[in-house]
Every structure is written in C-alpha cells, then in structure tokens.
N, C-alpha and C. Protein backbone atom coordinates (compact mmCIF):
# COMPACT_ATOMS: atom_id res chain seq x y z
N UNK A 1 83.89 153.99 121.70
CA UNK A 1 82.68 155.08 121.68
C UNK A 1 81.23 154.50 122.08
N UNK A 2 81.18 153.39 121.23
CA UNK A 2 79.89 152.65 122.13
C UNK A 2 79.69 152.46 123.54
N UNK A 3 80.65 152.35 124.34
CA UNK A 3 80.78 152.32 125.96
C UNK A 3 80.23 153.52 126.32
N UNK A 4 81.16 154.66 125.95
CA UNK A 4 80.18 155.96 126.20
C UNK A 4 78.72 156.43 125.85
N UNK A 5 78.19 155.76 124.46
CA UNK A 5 76.83 155.94 124.59
C UNK A 5 76.59 155.06 125.27
N UNK A 6 76.92 153.99 125.57
CA UNK A 6 75.60 152.90 126.29
C UNK A 6 75.73 153.65 128.07
N UNK A 7 76.83 154.61 128.25
CA UNK A 7 76.90 155.09 129.37
C UNK A 7 76.13 156.51 129.56
N UNK A 8 76.45 157.25 128.24
CA UNK A 8 75.33 158.38 128.79
C UNK A 8 73.56 157.67 128.43
N UNK A 9 73.31 156.82 128.00
CA UNK A 9 71.89 156.48 128.00
C UNK A 9 72.20 155.75 129.39
N UNK A 10 72.60 155.57 130.23
CA UNK A 10 72.46 154.50 131.38
C UNK A 10 72.37 155.89 132.53
N UNK A 11 72.90 157.18 132.20
CA UNK A 11 72.94 157.75 133.35
C UNK A 11 71.92 159.10 132.68
N UNK A 12 71.50 159.29 131.97
CA UNK A 12 69.80 159.67 131.62
C UNK A 12 68.90 159.24 131.91
N UNK A 13 68.98 157.56 131.88
CA UNK A 13 67.85 156.74 132.63
C UNK A 13 67.81 157.20 133.76
N UNK A 14 69.04 157.18 134.85
CA UNK A 14 68.87 157.40 136.23
C UNK A 14 68.39 158.36 136.50
N UNK A 15 68.96 159.40 135.70
CA UNK A 15 68.21 161.12 135.92
C UNK A 15 66.75 161.60 135.86
N UNK A 16 66.74 160.15 134.95
CA UNK A 16 65.00 160.23 134.76
C UNK A 16 64.09 159.74 135.67
N UNK A 17 64.45 159.23 136.35
CA UNK A 17 64.06 157.73 137.42
C UNK A 17 64.23 159.09 138.77
N UNK A 18 65.17 159.43 138.80
CA UNK A 18 65.19 160.71 140.23
C UNK A 18 64.13 161.83 139.92
N UNK A 19 64.44 162.56 138.76
CA UNK A 19 63.24 163.98 138.53
C UNK A 19 62.12 163.21 138.46
N UNK A 20 62.01 161.72 138.32
CA UNK A 20 60.45 161.87 137.66
C UNK A 20 59.94 160.69 138.92
N UNK A 21 60.48 160.59 140.36
CA UNK A 21 60.05 159.48 141.02
C UNK A 21 58.41 160.02 141.58
N UNK A 22 58.43 160.73 141.69
CA UNK A 22 56.21 160.79 142.31
C UNK A 22 55.78 160.03 140.76
N UNK A 23 55.72 160.24 140.01
CA UNK A 23 55.41 159.81 138.55
C UNK A 23 55.60 158.20 139.00
N UNK A 24 56.81 157.70 138.68
CA UNK A 24 56.84 156.34 139.36
C UNK A 24 56.56 155.95 140.67
N UNK A 25 56.20 156.56 141.37
CA UNK A 25 55.63 155.60 142.55
C UNK A 25 53.97 156.25 142.18
N UNK A 26 53.31 156.93 141.40
CA UNK A 26 52.36 156.81 141.57
C UNK A 26 52.01 155.73 140.38
N UNK A 27 52.56 155.28 139.74
CA UNK A 27 52.26 154.16 138.29
C UNK A 27 52.84 153.12 139.17
N UNK A 28 53.62 152.93 139.95
CA UNK A 28 54.44 151.57 140.03
C UNK A 28 53.82 150.94 141.84
N UNK A 29 52.92 152.11 142.39
CA UNK A 29 53.79 152.26 143.91
C UNK A 29 53.72 151.81 144.65
N UNK A 30 53.76 151.65 145.94
CA UNK A 30 54.87 151.90 147.17
C UNK A 30 55.55 150.64 146.94
N UNK A 31 56.61 150.61 147.20
CA UNK A 31 57.40 149.60 147.99
C UNK A 31 57.27 148.91 149.11
N UNK A 32 57.31 147.57 150.19
CA UNK A 32 56.37 147.88 151.27
C UNK A 32 58.01 148.05 151.92
N UNK A 33 59.50 147.48 151.76
CA UNK A 33 60.45 147.26 152.10
C UNK A 33 60.76 148.44 152.67
N UNK A 34 61.09 149.90 151.41
CA UNK A 34 60.89 151.02 151.62
C UNK A 34 60.44 151.86 153.00
N UNK A 35 58.86 151.28 152.95
CA UNK A 35 57.83 151.65 153.75
C UNK A 35 58.35 151.58 154.77
N UNK A 36 58.73 150.47 155.45
CA UNK A 36 59.22 150.24 156.71
C UNK A 36 60.25 150.51 157.10
N UNK A 37 61.68 150.31 156.25
CA UNK A 37 62.97 150.58 156.54
C UNK A 37 63.20 152.35 156.32
N UNK A 38 63.14 152.87 155.34
CA UNK A 38 63.18 154.95 155.03
C UNK A 38 62.07 155.97 155.33
N UNK A 39 60.96 154.94 156.52
CA UNK A 39 59.80 156.01 156.18
C UNK A 39 60.71 157.51 156.71
N UNK A 40 61.31 158.03 157.61
CA UNK A 40 61.37 158.35 158.05
C UNK A 40 61.87 159.19 157.00
N UNK A 41 63.09 158.80 156.37
CA UNK A 41 63.57 159.36 155.84
C UNK A 41 62.64 159.80 154.16
N UNK A 42 61.18 159.24 153.78
CA UNK A 42 60.48 159.79 152.35
C UNK A 42 60.21 158.49 152.03
N UNK A 43 60.28 157.57 152.93
CA UNK A 43 60.15 155.98 152.00
C UNK A 43 60.30 155.53 151.04
N UNK A 44 59.35 155.25 150.03
CA UNK A 44 59.52 155.00 148.56
C UNK A 44 59.89 156.16 147.64
N UNK A 45 59.43 156.79 148.02
CA UNK A 45 60.07 158.02 147.15
C UNK A 45 61.77 158.64 146.64
N UNK A 46 62.35 157.86 148.30
CA UNK A 46 63.48 157.71 148.95
C UNK A 46 64.29 156.58 147.51
N UNK A 47 63.58 155.51 148.30
CA UNK A 47 63.86 154.17 147.55
C UNK A 47 64.28 154.49 146.00
N UNK A 48 62.90 155.02 145.10
CA UNK A 48 63.19 155.50 143.44
C UNK A 48 64.52 155.92 143.28
N UNK A 49 64.22 157.16 144.40
CA UNK A 49 65.33 157.92 144.18
C UNK A 49 66.90 157.50 144.28
N UNK A 50 67.30 156.55 145.10
CA UNK A 50 68.66 156.12 145.42
C UNK A 50 68.98 154.63 144.11
N UNK A 51 67.46 154.56 143.92
CA UNK A 51 67.62 153.58 142.52
C UNK A 51 68.59 154.05 141.22
N UNK A 52 67.64 155.62 141.66
CA UNK A 52 68.12 156.55 139.94
C UNK A 52 69.90 156.79 140.40
N UNK A 53 70.15 156.80 141.20
CA UNK A 53 71.36 157.61 141.81
C UNK A 53 72.41 156.41 141.20
N UNK A 54 72.12 155.43 141.98
CA UNK A 54 72.65 153.96 141.68
C UNK A 54 73.03 153.93 139.65
N UNK A 55 71.83 153.80 139.40
CA UNK A 55 71.93 154.43 137.85
C UNK A 55 72.90 155.10 137.54
N UNK A 56 72.66 156.31 137.83
CA UNK A 56 73.51 157.69 137.28
C UNK A 56 75.29 157.35 137.73
N UNK A 57 75.54 156.69 138.83
CA UNK A 57 76.82 156.49 139.00
C UNK A 57 77.14 154.79 138.37
N UNK A 58 76.10 154.00 138.34
CA UNK A 58 76.34 152.96 136.85
C UNK A 58 77.16 153.40 135.64
N UNK A 59 76.47 154.64 134.62
CA UNK A 59 76.54 154.96 134.12
C UNK A 59 78.04 155.99 134.08
N UNK A 60 78.69 156.17 134.87
CA UNK A 60 79.46 156.78 135.21
C UNK A 60 80.99 155.73 135.00
N UNK A 61 80.28 154.61 135.47
CA UNK A 61 81.29 153.49 135.64
C UNK A 61 81.59 152.90 134.05
N UNK A 62 80.33 152.73 133.81
CA UNK A 62 80.78 152.36 131.86
C UNK A 62 81.53 153.11 131.23
N UNK A 63 80.84 154.66 131.48
CA UNK A 63 81.87 155.48 130.43
C UNK A 63 82.98 155.56 130.71
N UNK A 64 83.86 155.94 132.12
CA UNK A 64 85.15 156.09 132.34
C UNK A 64 85.91 154.61 132.22
N UNK A 65 85.29 153.06 131.95
CA UNK A 65 85.83 152.34 131.96
C UNK A 65 86.05 151.30 133.23
N UNK A 66 85.60 152.34 134.35
CA UNK A 66 85.10 151.33 135.52
C UNK A 66 84.83 150.13 135.89
N UNK A 67 83.97 149.71 135.33
CA UNK A 67 82.99 149.36 135.27
C UNK A 67 83.50 147.57 135.13
N UNK A 68 84.48 147.82 134.35
CA UNK A 68 85.37 146.34 134.45
C UNK A 68 86.30 145.83 135.26
N UNK A 69 86.78 147.12 135.78
CA UNK A 69 87.37 146.64 136.78
C UNK A 69 86.72 146.26 137.92
N UNK A 70 85.89 146.87 138.23
CA UNK A 70 85.07 146.24 139.51
C UNK A 70 84.21 145.03 139.47
N UNK A 71 84.04 144.67 138.12
CA UNK A 71 83.64 142.93 137.98
C UNK A 71 84.08 142.81 137.93
N UNK A 72 85.89 142.67 137.90
CA UNK A 72 86.65 141.58 137.79
C UNK A 72 87.02 141.54 139.11
N UNK A 73 86.98 142.72 140.04
CA UNK A 73 87.04 142.65 141.07
C UNK A 73 86.15 141.91 142.21
N UNK A 74 84.69 141.84 141.56
CA UNK A 74 84.17 141.17 142.75
C UNK A 74 83.84 139.95 141.68
N UNK A 75 84.25 139.38 141.03
CA UNK A 75 84.91 137.99 140.03
C UNK A 75 85.48 137.33 141.25
N UNK A 76 87.44 138.31 141.78
CA UNK A 76 87.78 137.78 142.74
C UNK A 76 87.51 137.33 143.84
N UNK A 77 86.67 137.93 143.95
CA UNK A 77 85.70 137.99 145.45
C UNK A 77 85.36 136.68 145.99
N UNK A 78 84.36 136.09 144.51
CA UNK A 78 83.73 134.75 144.91
C UNK A 78 84.20 133.96 144.30
N UNK A 79 85.47 133.97 143.77
CA UNK A 79 86.70 133.11 143.24
C UNK A 79 86.15 132.31 141.74
N UNK A 80 86.00 133.79 140.91
CA UNK A 80 85.62 133.35 139.45
C UNK A 80 87.23 133.87 138.51
N UNK A 81 88.36 134.13 139.45
CA UNK A 81 89.20 134.80 138.97
C UNK A 81 89.60 133.68 137.38
N UNK A 82 90.23 134.34 136.47
CA UNK A 82 90.78 134.26 134.98
C UNK A 82 91.76 133.16 135.24
N UNK A 83 91.88 132.59 134.44
CA UNK A 83 93.25 131.74 134.71
C UNK A 83 94.17 132.42 133.58
C-alpha cells in the first residue's frame, strides 16, 4: 500500500513539473546543455518536460512493482548480483 502512495506522489510531482515547466524555467533558469542540444525543439522547457515525464514513468514503475526488477537488472549489469 505504501508503494502505491509513494508512486502516486512521484507521478503527481512529475505531472506538476510538466504542467508548470514555464514557472520552473523562470525560477530556476535555463539549462546550458539543453539550450545547446535541444534548442530547435524547445531548449530548457523541453528539458524540464522530459524530466517530468521521467518522474511520471518512475512513479508508474514504483506503483506496479517493476522498479525492483529494473534495479535488479541494472545491478546485474554492473556486477552487483545477489549471492
């Protein structure tokens, strides 16, 4: 149950980042890397929206329990398998 509540919180946080990307841009400023590499598509606004989308996906992963499988797969890739 707590996993679902945490996941919903992460999804809502990601939604707020996507929804209020202009406010975030005005208060935190532009990201130089994003302005250089994503300038044609929207620069820092797009970067903040992509960060929000990543949070939304992470939240759904936490809700569904896939998060643990992803962590275990990543750990096995870098050689940190459980014995």
